[in-house]
Amino acid sequence: MGILTKPEPSNVDPLFTSIVQKMLKERGVTEAKMFGASGLKINRKMFLMSVKGELIIKLPKERVNILIDSMQGKYFYHLFDKSRLMKEWVSIGHKYKINWFKLAQEAKDFVASTQKTH
């Protein structure tokens, strides 16, 4: 069992665990940690994690701003340097859980598209 497929800690939402289990079946997706938070990588690049029970995803800066402007997301700041805005990362809270899987897929596709192919 991996770090995310074990019984989830109390601060990890069961929906997040379900998303992880589904996405781990996709080619190139692996479990990882970033800033001590559990998440997923696609081809060795992080695209999703859970922090304080919220879904944290990597998307283009413009898409992050759209989610924030529509009040679906919040800016995500570096966990160890709270003054450092992570411009391509957005936090999606429980109010918008219905969109988590779709947004997680969008994040995976975005990160995969930014990688060079050999």
N, C-alpha and C. Protein backbone atom coordinates (compact mmCIF):
# COMPACT_ATOMS: atom_id res chain seq x y z
N MET A 1 0.83 -1.19 0.00
CA MET A 1 0.00 0.00 0.00
C MET A 1 0.87 1.25 0.00
N GLY A 2 0.42 2.27 -0.72
CA GLY A 2 1.15 3.52 -0.77
C GLY A 2 0.72 4.47 0.33
N ILE A 3 1.31 5.64 0.31
CA ILE A 3 1.04 6.62 1.36
C ILE A 3 -0.40 7.11 1.34
N LEU A 4 -1.05 7.06 0.21
CA LEU A 4 -2.41 7.58 0.12
C LEU A 4 -3.46 6.49 0.07
N THR A 5 -3.05 5.26 -0.10
CA THR A 5 -4.04 4.19 -0.20
C THR A 5 -4.23 3.48 1.13
N LYS A 6 -3.46 3.88 2.14
CA LYS A 6 -3.68 3.38 3.50
C LYS A 6 -4.92 4.09 4.05
N PRO A 7 -5.49 3.61 5.15
CA PRO A 7 -6.60 4.35 5.73
C PRO A 7 -6.20 5.80 5.95
N GLU A 8 -7.06 6.70 5.52
CA GLU A 8 -6.69 8.11 5.51
C GLU A 8 -6.61 8.71 6.91
N PRO A 9 -5.63 9.61 7.10
CA PRO A 9 -5.58 10.35 8.36
C PRO A 9 -6.85 11.19 8.49
N SER A 10 -7.15 11.63 9.67
CA SER A 10 -8.39 12.37 9.92
C SER A 10 -8.48 13.67 9.13
N ASN A 11 -7.35 14.23 8.71
CA ASN A 11 -7.40 15.50 7.98
C ASN A 11 -7.49 15.32 6.46
N VAL A 12 -7.54 14.07 5.98
CA VAL A 12 -7.68 13.82 4.55
C VAL A 12 -9.12 13.42 4.27
N ASP A 13 -9.75 14.16 3.37
CA ASP A 13 -11.14 13.91 3.02
C ASP A 13 -11.27 12.57 2.29
N PRO A 14 -12.29 11.76 2.63
CA PRO A 14 -12.49 10.48 1.94
C PRO A 14 -12.65 10.65 0.43
N LEU A 15 -13.22 11.76 -0.02
CA LEU A 15 -13.35 12.00 -1.46
C LEU A 15 -11.96 12.14 -2.09
N PHE A 16 -11.05 12.81 -1.40
CA PHE A 16 -9.68 12.93 -1.89
C PHE A 16 -9.06 11.54 -2.06
N THR A 17 -9.25 10.69 -1.08
CA THR A 17 -8.72 9.33 -1.14
C THR A 17 -9.31 8.58 -2.33
N SER A 18 -10.59 8.75 -2.57
CA SER A 18 -11.25 8.11 -3.71
C SER A 18 -10.67 8.61 -5.04
N ILE A 19 -10.45 9.90 -5.13
CA ILE A 19 -9.86 10.49 -6.34
C ILE A 19 -8.48 9.90 -6.57
N VAL A 20 -7.69 9.83 -5.50
CA VAL A 20 -6.34 9.27 -5.60
C VAL A 20 -6.39 7.83 -6.10
N GLN A 21 -7.26 7.03 -5.53
CA GLN A 21 -7.35 5.63 -5.92
C GLN A 21 -7.72 5.48 -7.40
N LYS A 22 -8.63 6.33 -7.88
CA LYS A 22 -9.01 6.28 -9.30
C LYS A 22 -7.85 6.72 -10.20
N MET A 23 -7.19 7.81 -9.81
CA MET A 23 -6.15 8.37 -10.66
C MET A 23 -4.89 7.52 -10.68
N LEU A 24 -4.64 6.77 -9.63
CA LEU A 24 -3.46 5.90 -9.60
C LEU A 24 -3.54 4.80 -10.66
N LYS A 25 -4.71 4.56 -11.20
CA LYS A 25 -4.87 3.56 -12.26
C LYS A 25 -4.46 4.11 -13.62
N GLU A 26 -4.23 5.43 -13.69
CA GLU A 26 -3.87 6.06 -14.95
C GLU A 26 -2.36 6.01 -15.16
N ARG A 27 -1.98 5.86 -16.39
CA ARG A 27 -0.57 5.75 -16.76
C ARG A 27 0.22 7.00 -16.33
N GLY A 28 1.35 6.76 -15.68
CA GLY A 28 2.26 7.84 -15.29
C GLY A 28 1.93 8.49 -13.96
N VAL A 29 0.81 8.14 -13.34
CA VAL A 29 0.40 8.76 -12.07
C VAL A 29 0.98 7.95 -10.91
N THR A 30 1.65 8.66 -10.00
CA THR A 30 2.24 8.02 -8.83
C THR A 30 1.99 8.86 -7.58
N GLU A 31 2.09 8.21 -6.43
CA GLU A 31 1.93 8.91 -5.16
C GLU A 31 3.21 9.67 -4.82
N ALA A 32 3.05 10.78 -4.11
CA ALA A 32 4.20 11.60 -3.75
C ALA A 32 3.85 12.49 -2.57
N LYS A 33 4.87 13.17 -2.07
CA LYS A 33 4.68 14.17 -1.03
C LYS A 33 5.33 15.46 -1.49
N MET A 34 4.69 16.58 -1.13
CA MET A 34 5.25 17.91 -1.41
C MET A 34 4.95 18.76 -0.20
N PHE A 35 5.96 19.39 0.35
CA PHE A 35 5.82 20.18 1.58
C PHE A 35 5.26 19.32 2.71
N GLY A 36 5.49 18.02 2.66
CA GLY A 36 4.97 17.11 3.67
C GLY A 36 3.53 16.70 3.46
N ALA A 37 2.89 17.22 2.41
CA ALA A 37 1.49 16.89 2.11
C ALA A 37 1.43 15.75 1.10
N SER A 38 0.48 14.85 1.28
CA SER A 38 0.28 13.73 0.37
C SER A 38 -0.36 14.20 -0.92
N GLY A 39 0.10 13.63 -2.03
CA GLY A 39 -0.46 14.03 -3.31
C GLY A 39 -0.11 13.07 -4.42
N LEU A 40 -0.28 13.56 -5.64
CA LEU A 40 -0.01 12.75 -6.84
C LEU A 40 0.88 13.51 -7.81
N LYS A 41 1.66 12.72 -8.53
CA LYS A 41 2.50 13.25 -9.61
C LYS A 41 2.08 12.57 -10.91
N ILE A 42 2.31 13.28 -12.00
CA ILE A 42 2.20 12.70 -13.33
C ILE A 42 3.58 12.83 -13.95
N ASN A 43 4.17 11.69 -14.31
CA ASN A 43 5.52 11.69 -14.89
C ASN A 43 6.50 12.52 -14.07
N ARG A 44 6.49 12.33 -12.76
CA ARG A 44 7.41 12.93 -11.79
C ARG A 44 7.15 14.40 -11.49
N LYS A 45 6.02 14.95 -11.90
CA LYS A 45 5.68 16.35 -11.59
C LYS A 45 4.38 16.39 -10.80
N MET A 46 4.42 17.04 -9.66
CA MET A 46 3.27 17.13 -8.76
C MET A 46 2.13 17.91 -9.41
N PHE A 47 0.89 17.41 -9.24
CA PHE A 47 -0.27 18.12 -9.77
C PHE A 47 -1.41 18.24 -8.77
N LEU A 48 -1.35 17.51 -7.67
CA LEU A 48 -2.47 17.49 -6.74
C LEU A 48 -1.98 17.09 -5.36
N MET A 49 -2.58 17.70 -4.32
CA MET A 49 -2.29 17.30 -2.95
C MET A 49 -3.45 17.70 -2.05
N SER A 50 -3.40 17.21 -0.84
CA SER A 50 -4.41 17.57 0.16
C SER A 50 -3.71 18.27 1.31
N VAL A 51 -4.22 19.45 1.66
CA VAL A 51 -3.69 20.22 2.78
C VAL A 51 -4.87 20.68 3.62
N LYS A 52 -4.85 20.31 4.89
CA LYS A 52 -5.92 20.68 5.83
C LYS A 52 -7.29 20.30 5.28
N GLY A 53 -7.36 19.14 4.63
CA GLY A 53 -8.63 18.63 4.13
C GLY A 53 -9.13 19.26 2.85
N GLU A 54 -8.35 20.16 2.26
CA GLU A 54 -8.76 20.80 1.01
C GLU A 54 -7.97 20.22 -0.15
N LEU A 55 -8.55 20.32 -1.33
CA LEU A 55 -7.90 19.87 -2.56
C LEU A 55 -7.02 21.00 -3.07
N ILE A 56 -5.74 20.72 -3.27
CA ILE A 56 -4.80 21.70 -3.80
C ILE A 56 -4.34 21.18 -5.15
N ILE A 57 -4.53 21.99 -6.20
CA ILE A 57 -4.22 21.54 -7.56
C ILE A 57 -3.39 22.58 -8.31
N LYS A 58 -2.63 22.08 -9.28
CA LYS A 58 -1.81 22.94 -10.13
C LYS A 58 -2.52 23.14 -11.47
N LEU A 59 -2.73 24.41 -11.80
CA LEU A 59 -3.39 24.78 -13.05
C LEU A 59 -2.70 26.02 -13.62
N PRO A 60 -2.98 26.36 -14.88
CA PRO A 60 -2.41 27.60 -15.41
C PRO A 60 -2.85 28.80 -14.56
N LYS A 61 -1.97 29.77 -14.44
CA LYS A 61 -2.24 30.96 -13.62
C LYS A 61 -3.59 31.59 -13.96
N GLU A 62 -3.91 31.66 -15.25
CA GLU A 62 -5.17 32.27 -15.68
C GLU A 62 -6.37 31.48 -15.15
N ARG A 63 -6.26 30.16 -15.18
CA ARG A 63 -7.35 29.30 -14.67
C ARG A 63 -7.49 29.44 -13.16
N VAL A 64 -6.36 29.54 -12.47
CA VAL A 64 -6.38 29.77 -11.02
C VAL A 64 -7.15 31.06 -10.72
N ASN A 65 -6.84 32.11 -11.47
CA ASN A 65 -7.52 33.39 -11.25
C ASN A 65 -9.02 33.32 -11.52
N ILE A 66 -9.42 32.54 -12.52
CA ILE A 66 -10.84 32.36 -12.82
C ILE A 66 -11.54 31.68 -11.64
N LEU A 67 -10.92 30.63 -11.10
CA LEU A 67 -11.52 29.92 -9.95
C LEU A 67 -11.61 30.82 -8.73
N ILE A 68 -10.62 31.67 -8.55
CA ILE A 68 -10.64 32.59 -7.40
C ILE A 68 -11.69 33.68 -7.63
N ASP A 69 -11.73 34.25 -8.83
CA ASP A 69 -12.72 35.28 -9.13
C ASP A 69 -14.15 34.77 -8.99
N SER A 70 -14.36 33.49 -9.29
CA SER A 70 -15.71 32.91 -9.17
C SER A 70 -15.99 32.38 -7.76
N MET A 71 -15.04 32.62 -6.85
CA MET A 71 -15.16 32.25 -5.43
C MET A 71 -15.16 30.73 -5.23
N GLN A 72 -14.68 29.96 -6.21
CA GLN A 72 -14.59 28.51 -6.06
C GLN A 72 -13.27 28.08 -5.43
N GLY A 73 -12.29 28.98 -5.43
CA GLY A 73 -10.98 28.63 -4.90
C GLY A 73 -10.36 29.77 -4.14
N LYS A 74 -9.25 29.42 -3.46
CA LYS A 74 -8.47 30.42 -2.71
C LYS A 74 -7.02 30.30 -3.16
N TYR A 75 -6.31 31.42 -3.08
CA TYR A 75 -4.89 31.37 -3.38
C TYR A 75 -4.20 30.40 -2.44
N PHE A 76 -3.17 29.74 -2.94
CA PHE A 76 -2.40 28.81 -2.12
C PHE A 76 -1.01 29.39 -1.92
N TYR A 77 -0.62 29.46 -0.65
CA TYR A 77 0.69 29.99 -0.29
C TYR A 77 1.60 28.85 0.14
N HIS A 78 2.88 29.01 -0.13
CA HIS A 78 3.90 28.04 0.27
C HIS A 78 3.71 27.69 1.74
N LEU A 79 3.73 26.40 2.05
CA LEU A 79 3.45 25.96 3.42
C LEU A 79 4.49 26.40 4.43
N PHE A 80 5.73 26.64 3.99
CA PHE A 80 6.78 27.03 4.92
C PHE A 80 7.13 28.50 4.84
N ASP A 81 6.65 29.19 3.83
CA ASP A 81 6.90 30.62 3.65
C ASP A 81 5.57 31.26 3.23
N LYS A 82 4.77 31.62 4.22
CA LYS A 82 3.40 32.10 3.96
C LYS A 82 3.34 33.37 3.12
N SER A 83 4.47 34.04 2.94
CA SER A 83 4.47 35.24 2.10
C SER A 83 4.63 34.90 0.62
N ARG A 84 4.91 33.64 0.33
CA ARG A 84 5.19 33.23 -1.05
C ARG A 84 3.95 32.61 -1.71
N LEU A 85 3.32 33.37 -2.58
CA LEU A 85 2.15 32.90 -3.33
C LEU A 85 2.59 31.90 -4.38
N MET A 86 1.90 30.76 -4.42
CA MET A 86 2.16 29.74 -5.43
C MET A 86 1.18 30.02 -6.58
N LYS A 87 1.61 30.77 -7.58
CA LYS A 87 0.74 31.33 -8.61
C LYS A 87 -0.01 30.31 -9.45
N GLU A 88 0.52 29.11 -9.58
CA GLU A 88 -0.15 28.09 -10.38
C GLU A 88 -0.84 27.04 -9.51
N TRP A 89 -1.04 27.34 -8.25
CA TRP A 89 -1.70 26.40 -7.34
C TRP A 89 -2.92 27.08 -6.73
N VAL A 90 -4.00 26.31 -6.58
CA VAL A 90 -5.24 26.83 -6.01
C VAL A 90 -5.80 25.82 -5.02
N SER A 91 -6.41 26.34 -3.97
CA SER A 91 -7.03 25.52 -2.94
C SER A 91 -8.54 25.51 -3.17
N ILE A 92 -9.11 24.31 -3.27
CA ILE A 92 -10.56 24.16 -3.48
C ILE A 92 -11.15 23.54 -2.22
N GLY A 93 -11.99 24.28 -1.55
CA GLY A 93 -12.56 23.83 -0.28
C GLY A 93 -13.74 22.89 -0.44
N HIS A 94 -14.28 22.49 0.69
CA HIS A 94 -15.38 21.51 0.73
C HIS A 94 -16.65 21.98 0.05
N LYS A 95 -16.87 23.27 0.02
CA LYS A 95 -18.10 23.80 -0.59
C LYS A 95 -18.21 23.39 -2.07
N TYR A 96 -17.07 23.16 -2.71
CA TYR A 96 -17.06 22.82 -4.14
C TYR A 96 -16.55 21.39 -4.38
N LYS A 97 -16.77 20.50 -3.40
CA LYS A 97 -16.34 19.11 -3.53
C LYS A 97 -16.91 18.43 -4.76
N ILE A 98 -18.08 18.85 -5.18
CA ILE A 98 -18.71 18.25 -6.35
C ILE A 98 -17.81 18.38 -7.59
N ASN A 99 -16.93 19.38 -7.60
CA ASN A 99 -16.05 19.62 -8.74
C ASN A 99 -14.65 19.02 -8.57
N TRP A 100 -14.37 18.43 -7.43
CA TRP A 100 -13.00 17.97 -7.15
C TRP A 100 -12.45 17.03 -8.20
N PHE A 101 -13.19 16.00 -8.58
CA PHE A 101 -12.64 15.03 -9.53
C PHE A 101 -12.35 15.69 -10.87
N LYS A 102 -13.29 16.49 -11.35
CA LYS A 102 -13.11 17.17 -12.63
C LYS A 102 -11.88 18.09 -12.58
N LEU A 103 -11.74 18.84 -11.49
CA LEU A 103 -10.59 19.74 -11.35
C LEU A 103 -9.28 18.97 -11.21
N ALA A 104 -9.32 17.85 -10.51
CA ALA A 104 -8.11 17.01 -10.37
C ALA A 104 -7.68 16.51 -11.75
N GLN A 105 -8.63 16.10 -12.55
CA GLN A 105 -8.33 15.62 -13.91
C GLN A 105 -7.76 16.77 -14.74
N GLU A 106 -8.33 17.95 -14.60
CA GLU A 106 -7.84 19.13 -15.32
C GLU A 106 -6.39 19.44 -14.92
N ALA A 107 -6.10 19.32 -13.63
CA ALA A 107 -4.74 19.57 -13.14
C ALA A 107 -3.76 18.54 -13.71
N LYS A 108 -4.16 17.27 -13.71
CA LYS A 108 -3.30 16.22 -14.27
C LYS A 108 -3.02 16.49 -15.74
N ASP A 109 -4.05 16.81 -16.48
CA ASP A 109 -3.89 17.08 -17.91
C ASP A 109 -2.99 18.29 -18.15
N PHE A 110 -3.15 19.34 -17.33
CA PHE A 110 -2.32 20.54 -17.47
C PHE A 110 -0.85 20.20 -17.23
N VAL A 111 -0.55 19.55 -16.13
CA VAL A 111 0.84 19.24 -15.80
C VAL A 111 1.44 18.29 -16.85
N ALA A 112 0.68 17.32 -17.30
CA ALA A 112 1.17 16.40 -18.33
C ALA A 112 1.48 17.15 -19.62
N SER A 113 0.67 18.17 -19.94
CA SER A 113 0.86 18.92 -21.19
C SER A 113 2.08 19.83 -21.14
N THR A 114 2.56 20.16 -19.96
CA THR A 114 3.70 21.06 -19.83
C THR A 114 5.03 20.32 -19.89
N GLN A 115 4.98 19.01 -19.94
CA GLN A 115 6.21 18.21 -19.93
C GLN A 115 6.66 17.92 -21.34
N LYS A 116 7.96 17.95 -21.52
CA LYS A 116 8.54 17.64 -22.82
C LYS A 116 8.45 16.15 -23.06
N THR A 117 8.15 15.79 -24.29
CA THR A 117 8.14 14.36 -24.65
C THR A 117 9.44 14.04 -25.36
N HIS A 118 9.91 12.83 -25.14
CA HIS A 118 11.18 12.41 -25.74
C HIS A 118 10.93 11.65 -27.00
